[in-house]
């Protein structure tokens, strides 16, 4: 398993990649409502986990 710091950096890099992909996709094509809802669901789950540490 990765050391915690390395793993956290990997997660942040992946999140940045997701953000950039969303920007590109939103400019070039339309997502289906179901796709948007699925993305929203996953983001909500991520936020639920992160909010445990407030």
N, C-alpha and C. Protein backbone atom coordinates (compact mmCIF):
# COMPACT_ATOMS: atom_id res chain seq x y z
N UNK A 1 0.84 -1.18 0.00
CA UNK A 1 0.00 0.00 0.00
C UNK A 1 0.89 1.25 0.00
N UNK A 2 0.35 2.31 -0.56
CA UNK A 2 1.08 3.58 -0.61
C UNK A 2 1.18 4.21 0.77
N UNK A 3 2.26 4.95 1.00
CA UNK A 3 2.26 5.79 2.21
C UNK A 3 1.11 6.80 2.10
N UNK A 4 0.57 7.22 3.21
CA UNK A 4 -0.60 8.09 3.22
C UNK A 4 -0.41 9.35 2.39
N UNK A 5 0.72 9.98 2.52
CA UNK A 5 0.97 11.23 1.79
C UNK A 5 0.97 11.00 0.28
N UNK A 6 1.61 9.93 -0.18
CA UNK A 6 1.65 9.60 -1.60
C UNK A 6 0.24 9.31 -2.10
N UNK A 7 -0.50 8.55 -1.34
CA UNK A 7 -1.86 8.20 -1.73
C UNK A 7 -2.74 9.45 -1.82
N UNK A 8 -2.58 10.35 -0.88
CA UNK A 8 -3.35 11.59 -0.89
C UNK A 8 -3.02 12.42 -2.12
N UNK A 9 -1.75 12.49 -2.47
CA UNK A 9 -1.36 13.22 -3.68
C UNK A 9 -1.96 12.59 -4.92
N UNK A 10 -2.00 11.27 -4.96
CA UNK A 10 -2.63 10.57 -6.08
C UNK A 10 -4.11 10.94 -6.18
N UNK A 11 -4.79 10.95 -5.06
CA UNK A 11 -6.21 11.31 -5.05
C UNK A 11 -6.42 12.74 -5.54
N UNK A 12 -5.60 13.65 -5.08
CA UNK A 12 -5.72 15.04 -5.51
C UNK A 12 -5.46 15.19 -7.00
N UNK A 13 -4.50 14.45 -7.50
CA UNK A 13 -4.21 14.48 -8.94
C UNK A 13 -5.39 13.94 -9.73
N UNK A 14 -5.97 12.87 -9.26
CA UNK A 14 -7.13 12.31 -9.94
C UNK A 14 -8.33 13.26 -9.90
N UNK A 15 -8.53 13.91 -8.77
CA UNK A 15 -9.63 14.87 -8.66
C UNK A 15 -9.43 16.04 -9.61
N UNK A 16 -8.20 16.48 -9.74
CA UNK A 16 -7.88 17.55 -10.68
C UNK A 16 -8.18 17.10 -12.10
N UNK A 17 -7.83 15.87 -12.41
CA UNK A 17 -8.10 15.32 -13.75
C UNK A 17 -9.61 15.28 -14.02
N UNK A 18 -10.37 14.87 -13.04
CA UNK A 18 -11.83 14.83 -13.18
C UNK A 18 -12.37 16.24 -13.45
N UNK A 19 -11.88 17.21 -12.71
CA UNK A 19 -12.31 18.59 -12.90
C UNK A 19 -12.03 19.06 -14.33
N UNK A 20 -10.83 18.79 -14.82
CA UNK A 20 -10.47 19.21 -16.18
C UNK A 20 -11.30 18.49 -17.23
N UNK A 21 -11.55 17.20 -17.02
CA UNK A 21 -12.38 16.45 -17.97
C UNK A 21 -13.80 17.01 -18.01
N UNK A 22 -14.33 17.37 -16.84
CA UNK A 22 -15.67 17.95 -16.80
C UNK A 22 -15.71 19.27 -17.56
N UNK A 23 -14.71 20.07 -17.42
CA UNK A 23 -14.65 21.35 -18.14
C UNK A 23 -14.63 21.11 -19.64
N UNK A 24 -13.82 20.17 -20.09
CA UNK A 24 -13.71 19.88 -21.52
C UNK A 24 -15.03 19.32 -22.05
N UNK A 25 -15.59 18.35 -21.36
CA UNK A 25 -16.83 17.74 -21.81
C UNK A 25 -17.97 18.76 -21.84
N UNK A 26 -18.02 19.62 -20.84
CA UNK A 26 -19.11 20.60 -20.80
C UNK A 26 -19.03 21.61 -21.94
N UNK A 27 -17.84 21.82 -22.46
CA UNK A 27 -17.68 22.74 -23.59
C UNK A 27 -17.95 22.08 -24.93
N UNK A 28 -17.70 20.80 -25.03
CA UNK A 28 -17.72 20.14 -26.33
C UNK A 28 -18.96 19.30 -26.59
N UNK A 29 -19.67 18.89 -25.55
CA UNK A 29 -20.85 18.06 -25.76
C UNK A 29 -21.77 18.09 -24.55
N UNK A 30 -22.95 17.55 -24.73
CA UNK A 30 -23.92 17.51 -23.65
C UNK A 30 -23.92 16.13 -23.00
N UNK A 31 -23.96 16.14 -21.70
CA UNK A 31 -24.12 14.88 -20.98
C UNK A 31 -25.61 14.59 -20.83
N UNK A 32 -25.94 13.33 -20.80
CA UNK A 32 -27.33 12.94 -20.56
C UNK A 32 -27.67 13.23 -19.10
N UNK A 33 -28.94 13.44 -18.86
CA UNK A 33 -29.39 13.72 -17.50
C UNK A 33 -28.96 12.61 -16.53
N UNK A 34 -29.07 11.37 -16.96
CA UNK A 34 -28.69 10.24 -16.11
C UNK A 34 -27.20 10.27 -15.78
N UNK A 35 -26.41 10.68 -16.72
CA UNK A 35 -24.96 10.77 -16.49
C UNK A 35 -24.64 11.87 -15.49
N UNK A 36 -25.31 12.98 -15.63
CA UNK A 36 -25.11 14.09 -14.69
C UNK A 36 -25.54 13.67 -13.29
N UNK A 37 -26.65 12.98 -13.20
CA UNK A 37 -27.13 12.52 -11.89
C UNK A 37 -26.17 11.51 -11.27
N UNK A 38 -25.60 10.66 -12.08
CA UNK A 38 -24.62 9.69 -11.57
C UNK A 38 -23.37 10.39 -11.06
N UNK A 39 -22.88 11.34 -11.81
CA UNK A 39 -21.72 12.12 -11.38
C UNK A 39 -22.04 12.86 -10.09
N UNK A 40 -23.20 13.47 -10.03
CA UNK A 40 -23.62 14.20 -8.84
C UNK A 40 -23.69 13.27 -7.62
N UNK A 41 -24.21 12.10 -7.82
CA UNK A 41 -24.29 11.12 -6.73
C UNK A 41 -22.90 10.80 -6.19
N UNK A 42 -21.97 10.53 -7.07
CA UNK A 42 -20.61 10.19 -6.63
C UNK A 42 -19.92 11.36 -5.94
N UNK A 43 -20.13 12.56 -6.46
CA UNK A 43 -19.56 13.74 -5.81
C UNK A 43 -20.17 13.95 -4.43
N UNK A 44 -21.45 13.70 -4.31
CA UNK A 44 -22.11 13.82 -3.00
C UNK A 44 -21.53 12.83 -2.01
N UNK A 45 -21.25 11.62 -2.46
CA UNK A 45 -20.64 10.62 -1.60
C UNK A 45 -19.24 11.04 -1.15
N UNK A 46 -18.48 11.58 -2.08
CA UNK A 46 -17.14 12.07 -1.73
C UNK A 46 -17.25 13.18 -0.70
N UNK A 47 -18.16 14.12 -0.91
CA UNK A 47 -18.32 15.22 0.04
C UNK A 47 -18.80 14.72 1.40
N UNK A 48 -19.65 13.73 1.41
CA UNK A 48 -20.14 13.16 2.67
C UNK A 48 -18.95 12.63 3.48
N UNK A 49 -18.06 11.93 2.82
CA UNK A 49 -16.88 11.39 3.50
C UNK A 49 -15.96 12.51 3.98
N UNK A 50 -15.71 13.49 3.12
CA UNK A 50 -14.81 14.59 3.50
C UNK A 50 -15.39 15.44 4.62
N UNK A 51 -16.70 15.57 4.67
CA UNK A 51 -17.33 16.38 5.71
C UNK A 51 -17.23 15.75 7.10
N UNK A 52 -16.87 14.51 7.16
CA UNK A 52 -16.65 13.87 8.47
C UNK A 52 -15.51 14.54 9.23
N UNK A 53 -14.64 15.21 8.50
CA UNK A 53 -13.43 15.77 9.11
C UNK A 53 -13.54 17.27 9.37
N UNK A 54 -14.72 17.79 9.39
CA UNK A 54 -14.93 19.20 9.73
C UNK A 54 -14.97 19.38 11.21
